Amino acid sequence: MTVQSQSVAEELEISLAGKKVRLALERRGSEPNEIWLLLPALSTVSSQSEWDTLADNIDRKAQLWSFDWPGFGESDRPAINYDASTLSIALNAVLDYLVSNGTTQINVMAAGHSASIALGLAEERSEQWKQLVLVAPTWRGPLPTMTGWNPERFHWLRKLVSLPVIGSLLYRLNTSRAVLKLMLRRHVWVNPEMLSPAQIREQQRLSRRKGARFASVSFVSGGFDPATHSDWWLDKAEKLHCPLHVVLAEQAPPRSKGEMRELASKADRVSVIKGRLGLHQEFGAELAALISH
């Protein structure tokens, strides 16, 4: 049975840095037998719409929930200091919301850097999880990955991009269609058809929503990184109270792929799907088939 693509939009209000922040949630499917919470990857173009192909191809009775992280997508994007704790508060609030609606066991699937946010709650929340599926997981932002530097060395960049005028101008330069296309081609997608002019325009629209620069620069500069070494997530994986399934990206950048394999050594199940860091979006049908068996 394939879940109907019909979706229901909901909202959840949380408090972050003394501000009321609205999270945009989406629910798909009407069967309550399996509850899946889908965490979109963190990136300049992060959006719960990344899960559309998977949602349209899931081959089991299920109810799918997804949401946009604060600072991204259709959620509010206030000018605050975004870090891993900001996103942990949001994820905790969403989990509490599902529990308040009668959910007792949740399948959690996290893509890319959201894997680190989920693992950060491993000891605290995973007794409520039926399983944790990490798809092309990462734990470092792009600049710390490329340079090997501590994220604190990029604090100046976060401050600069937060400035009213110059920050906005710099951010617009770095979200030009040419820059976005280069980023997506190198690290995110394999199929060149994913890089059509219409798709690039949509990615630019996501990246340039009002207030988007604050969370985006935090991701790029390592502001969401939970630690400075991969031993962190290996330790968190050992504290899980549920099975761990790691889905490796066959064509991920070499350093990221090596760290995925380290994490996979702690997993109860390991799978491989072609693709790069955006495989959950590009190969959503294959991923749906994988978790349906």
Protein backbone atom coordinates (compact mmCIF):
# COMPACT_ATOMS: atom_id res chain seq x y z
CA MET A 1 0.00 0.00 0.00
CA THR A 2 1.35 3.41 -0.96
CA VAL A 3 0.76 6.36 1.32
CA GLN A 4 -1.46 8.97 -0.30
CA SER A 5 0.46 12.13 -1.18
CA GLN A 6 -2.22 14.29 0.46
CA SER A 7 -0.62 16.41 3.15
CA VAL A 8 -1.84 18.48 6.09
CA ALA A 9 0.05 21.59 7.18
CA GLU A 10 0.32 22.31 10.90
CA GLU A 11 2.19 24.80 13.06
CA LEU A 12 3.98 24.55 16.38
CA GLU A 13 5.09 27.58 18.39
CA ILE A 14 8.23 27.32 20.49
CA SER A 15 10.44 29.74 22.41
CA LEU A 16 14.00 30.41 21.23
CA ALA A 17 16.30 33.09 22.65
CA GLY A 18 13.32 34.83 24.20
CA LYS A 19 11.38 34.93 20.94
CA LYS A 20 8.25 33.07 19.86
CA VAL A 21 9.15 31.03 16.81
CA ARG A 22 6.69 29.24 14.54
CA LEU A 23 7.71 25.85 13.17
CA ALA A 24 6.08 24.65 9.95
CA LEU A 25 5.05 20.97 10.17
CA GLU A 26 3.56 18.67 7.59
CA ARG A 27 1.68 15.38 8.07
CA ARG A 28 1.14 12.85 5.30
CA GLY A 29 -0.83 9.64 5.25
CA SER A 30 -3.69 8.47 7.39
CA GLU A 31 -2.48 5.12 8.68
CA PRO A 32 -1.28 5.32 12.29
CA ASN A 33 0.47 1.94 12.30
CA GLU A 34 3.92 3.38 11.60
CA ILE A 35 4.93 6.92 12.57
CA TRP A 36 7.95 8.37 10.78
CA LEU A 37 9.52 11.69 11.70
CA LEU A 38 11.64 12.96 8.81
CA LEU A 39 14.37 15.50 9.58
CA PRO A 40 15.56 17.48 6.54
CA ALA A 41 19.26 17.99 6.01
CA LEU A 42 20.75 21.24 7.23
CA SER A 43 21.98 23.39 4.36
CA THR A 44 21.51 26.80 2.82
CA VAL A 45 18.53 25.32 0.93
CA SER A 46 17.14 23.14 3.74
CA SER A 47 13.43 22.34 3.40
CA GLN A 48 11.04 19.58 4.40
CA SER A 49 10.13 19.34 0.70
CA GLU A 50 13.33 17.27 0.35
CA TRP A 51 11.24 14.31 1.50
CA ASP A 52 8.54 14.60 -1.18
CA THR A 53 9.82 11.78 -3.40
CA LEU A 54 10.26 9.41 -0.46
CA ALA A 55 6.80 10.30 0.84
CA ASP A 56 5.23 9.57 -2.54
CA ASN A 57 6.94 6.18 -2.76
CA ILE A 58 6.77 4.79 0.77
CA ASP A 59 5.52 1.22 0.54
CA ARG A 60 3.95 0.58 3.90
CA LYS A 61 1.13 1.78 6.09
CA ALA A 62 2.58 4.85 7.63
CA GLN A 63 2.04 8.35 8.80
CA LEU A 64 4.85 10.71 7.88
CA TRP A 65 5.71 13.88 9.78
CA SER A 66 8.28 16.44 8.68
CA PHE A 67 9.10 20.00 9.67
CA ASP A 68 11.34 22.89 8.75
CA TRP A 69 14.09 23.68 11.22
CA PRO A 70 13.93 27.14 12.82
CA GLY A 71 15.71 29.54 10.51
CA PHE A 72 15.00 27.45 7.41
CA GLY A 73 12.26 26.70 4.92
CA GLU A 74 8.77 27.84 5.86
CA SER A 75 9.52 28.14 9.59
CA ASP A 76 10.24 31.50 11.21
CA ARG A 77 13.76 32.85 10.74
CA PRO A 78 14.44 35.36 13.54
CA ALA A 79 17.80 37.13 13.86
CA ILE A 80 19.20 35.05 16.73
CA ASN A 81 22.39 33.11 17.36
CA TYR A 82 21.75 29.66 15.91
CA ASP A 83 23.65 26.66 17.25
CA ALA A 84 23.13 22.95 17.88
CA SER A 85 21.18 23.63 21.09
CA THR A 86 18.73 25.81 19.11
CA LEU A 87 17.88 22.87 16.88
CA SER A 88 17.80 20.41 19.79
CA ILE A 89 15.12 22.56 21.44
CA ALA A 90 13.11 22.47 18.21
CA LEU A 91 13.44 18.70 17.80
CA ASN A 92 12.50 18.11 21.44
CA ALA A 93 9.41 20.26 20.95
CA VAL A 94 8.33 18.31 17.87
CA LEU A 95 8.87 14.99 19.64
CA ASP A 96 6.83 16.23 22.61
CA TYR A 97 4.09 17.32 20.20
CA LEU A 98 3.89 13.85 18.67
CA VAL A 99 3.84 12.20 22.09
CA SER A 100 1.07 14.55 23.23
CA ASN A 101 -0.98 13.30 20.29
CA GLY A 102 -0.71 9.70 21.46
CA THR A 103 2.42 8.53 19.66
CA THR A 104 4.44 6.03 21.69
CA GLN A 105 7.02 4.72 19.21
CA ILE A 106 8.53 6.88 16.47
CA ASN A 107 10.75 5.92 13.55
CA VAL A 108 13.18 8.82 13.19
CA MET A 109 14.97 9.43 9.88
CA ALA A 110 17.58 12.18 9.76
CA ALA A 111 19.43 13.35 6.66
CA GLY A 112 22.85 14.94 6.48
CA HIS A 113 23.78 17.21 9.37
CA SER A 114 20.43 16.68 11.11
CA ALA A 115 21.86 13.28 12.07
CA SER A 116 24.01 15.06 14.66
CA ILE A 117 20.99 16.79 16.18
CA ALA A 118 19.15 13.48 16.48
CA LEU A 119 22.19 11.73 17.96
CA GLY A 120 22.54 14.57 20.44
CA LEU A 121 19.24 13.40 21.94
CA ALA A 122 20.17 9.72 21.80
CA GLU A 123 20.41 9.06 25.52
CA GLU A 124 17.54 11.37 26.46
CA ARG A 125 14.84 10.48 23.90
CA SER A 126 15.61 7.28 22.00
CA GLU A 127 13.61 5.01 24.30
CA GLN A 128 10.62 6.47 22.44
CA TRP A 129 12.14 5.62 19.06
CA LYS A 130 11.48 2.41 17.21
CA GLN A 131 14.63 2.97 15.18
CA LEU A 132 16.95 5.76 14.08
CA VAL A 133 17.82 5.90 10.38
CA LEU A 134 20.69 8.24 9.46
CA VAL A 135 20.97 9.01 5.74
CA ALA A 136 24.35 10.27 4.47
CA PRO A 137 25.04 11.57 8.01
CA THR A 138 27.50 14.37 8.68
CA TRP A 139 28.61 16.16 11.84
CA ARG A 140 30.71 19.08 10.51
CA GLY A 141 29.71 22.12 8.50
CA PRO A 142 31.31 22.80 5.10
CA LEU A 143 34.01 25.29 6.15
CA PRO A 144 35.35 23.24 9.12
CA THR A 145 35.31 20.16 6.85
CA MET A 146 37.30 21.89 4.10
CA THR A 147 39.81 23.60 6.38
CA GLY A 148 40.02 21.29 9.40
CA TRP A 149 39.63 24.38 11.60
CA ASN A 150 37.63 24.64 14.79
CA PRO A 151 34.19 26.24 14.15
CA GLU A 152 35.07 28.98 16.65
CA ARG A 153 37.57 30.33 14.14
CA PHE A 154 34.62 31.29 11.92
CA HIS A 155 32.79 33.27 14.59
CA TRP A 156 33.79 36.46 12.76
CA LEU A 157 31.99 35.23 9.63
CA ARG A 158 28.77 34.66 11.51
CA LYS A 159 29.05 38.17 12.97
CA LEU A 160 29.78 39.68 9.56
CA VAL A 161 26.84 38.05 7.78
CA SER A 162 24.56 39.13 10.63
CA LEU A 163 25.26 42.82 9.98
CA PRO A 164 22.27 44.72 8.51
CA VAL A 165 23.61 45.87 5.11
CA ILE A 166 26.97 44.30 4.35
CA GLY A 167 25.78 40.96 5.70
CA SER A 168 22.80 40.90 3.38
CA LEU A 169 24.97 41.81 0.38
CA LEU A 170 27.55 39.13 1.12
CA TYR A 171 24.84 36.54 1.60
CA ARG A 172 23.21 37.44 -1.73
CA LEU A 173 26.56 37.01 -3.48
CA ASN A 174 26.95 33.56 -1.96
CA THR A 175 23.44 32.52 -2.93
CA SER A 176 23.75 33.49 -6.59
CA ARG A 177 22.52 30.80 -8.96
CA ALA A 178 26.07 30.09 -10.13
CA VAL A 179 27.31 29.49 -6.57
CA LEU A 180 24.29 27.37 -5.64
CA LYS A 181 24.64 25.27 -8.77
CA LEU A 182 28.33 24.65 -8.06
CA MET A 183 27.60 23.60 -4.47
CA LEU A 184 24.74 21.30 -5.46
CA ARG A 185 26.70 19.70 -8.31
CA ARG A 186 29.83 19.04 -6.24
CA HIS A 187 28.37 17.81 -2.98
CA VAL A 188 24.63 17.22 -3.12
CA TRP A 189 23.29 15.68 -6.33
CA VAL A 190 24.59 13.29 -8.98
CA ASN A 191 22.06 13.60 -11.80
CA PRO A 192 22.67 16.75 -13.90
CA GLU A 193 18.92 16.91 -14.60
CA MET A 194 18.48 17.92 -10.94
CA LEU A 195 20.33 21.14 -11.83
CA SER A 196 17.75 22.49 -14.26
CA PRO A 197 17.23 26.28 -14.33
CA ALA A 198 13.81 25.84 -12.68
CA GLN A 199 15.30 23.76 -9.85
CA ILE A 200 18.12 26.22 -9.27
CA ARG A 201 15.61 29.09 -9.13
CA GLU A 202 13.62 27.18 -6.50
CA GLN A 203 16.76 26.53 -4.44
CA GLN A 204 17.61 30.21 -4.63
CA ARG A 205 14.09 31.12 -3.49
CA LEU A 206 14.53 28.90 -0.44
CA SER A 207 17.94 30.36 0.35
CA ARG A 208 16.81 33.98 0.09
CA ARG A 209 13.70 34.02 2.23
CA LYS A 210 13.74 36.94 4.66
CA GLY A 211 16.01 36.19 7.61
CA ALA A 212 17.46 33.02 6.05
CA ARG A 213 21.06 34.21 6.27
CA PHE A 214 21.33 33.88 10.06
CA ALA A 215 20.83 30.11 10.28
CA SER A 216 22.47 29.45 6.92
CA VAL A 217 25.79 31.06 7.84
CA SER A 218 25.77 29.15 11.12
CA PHE A 219 25.53 25.87 9.22
CA VAL A 220 28.21 26.78 6.68
CA SER A 221 30.66 27.99 9.32
CA GLY A 222 30.22 25.10 11.75
CA GLY A 223 27.87 26.82 14.17
CA PHE A 224 25.72 23.68 14.30
CA ASP A 225 28.66 21.35 14.84
CA PRO A 226 28.22 19.50 18.15
CA ALA A 227 31.92 18.78 18.66
CA THR A 228 35.36 19.03 17.08
CA HIS A 229 35.97 15.30 16.53
CA SER A 230 33.96 12.37 15.19
CA ASP A 231 34.47 10.44 18.44
CA TRP A 232 31.51 12.48 19.64
CA TRP A 233 28.93 10.77 17.48
CA LEU A 234 30.49 7.34 17.96
CA ASP A 235 29.93 7.79 21.69
CA LYS A 236 26.35 8.97 21.14
CA ALA A 237 25.60 5.99 18.90
CA GLU A 238 26.58 3.64 21.72
CA LYS A 239 24.05 5.34 24.03
CA LEU A 240 21.07 4.75 21.75
CA HIS A 241 18.18 2.76 23.20
CA CYS A 242 16.95 1.73 19.74
CA PRO A 243 18.38 0.09 16.60
CA LEU A 244 20.58 2.28 14.39
CA HIS A 245 20.45 2.06 10.59
CA VAL A 246 23.09 4.03 8.65
CA VAL A 247 22.60 4.66 4.93
CA LEU A 248 25.91 5.46 3.25
CA ALA A 249 26.17 7.77 0.24
CA GLU A 250 28.24 5.92 -2.34
CA GLN A 251 29.51 9.12 -4.00
CA ALA A 252 29.85 11.34 -0.94
CA PRO A 253 32.99 13.51 -0.66
CA PRO A 254 35.87 11.29 0.54
CA ARG A 255 36.29 12.80 4.01
CA SER A 256 32.56 12.74 4.74
CA LYS A 257 32.27 9.21 3.40
CA GLY A 258 35.09 8.02 5.66
CA GLU A 259 33.36 9.48 8.71
CA MET A 260 30.05 7.91 7.68
CA ARG A 261 31.79 4.54 7.60
CA GLU A 262 33.15 5.12 11.11
CA LEU A 263 29.62 5.70 12.35
CA ALA A 264 28.38 2.69 10.39
CA SER A 265 30.69 0.50 12.49
CA LYS A 266 28.31 1.19 15.40
CA ALA A 267 25.13 0.49 13.43
CA ASP A 268 22.79 -2.49 13.61
CA ARG A 269 22.15 -2.19 9.88
CA VAL A 270 24.15 -0.58 7.09
CA SER A 271 22.95 0.15 3.56
CA VAL A 272 24.50 1.88 0.57
CA ILE A 273 22.70 4.03 -1.99
CA LYS A 274 24.29 5.82 -4.90
CA GLY A 275 24.34 9.55 -4.54
CA ARG A 276 25.97 12.29 -2.56
CA LEU A 277 24.86 14.24 0.50
CA GLY A 278 21.41 14.87 -0.96
CA LEU A 279 20.61 11.25 -1.72
CA HIS A 280 17.45 11.33 0.43
CA GLN A 281 16.02 13.84 -2.04
CA GLU A 282 17.50 12.60 -5.31
CA PHE A 283 17.01 8.89 -4.60
CA GLY A 284 13.92 9.11 -2.41
CA ALA A 285 12.23 6.20 -4.21
CA GLU A 286 15.19 3.89 -3.57
CA LEU A 287 15.33 4.98 0.05
CA ALA A 288 11.60 4.34 0.44
CA ALA A 289 12.01 0.83 -0.93
CA LEU A 290 14.93 0.23 1.42
CA ILE A 291 13.06 1.10 4.61
CA SER A 292 9.88 -0.66 3.49
CA HIS A 293 11.49 -4.09 3.78
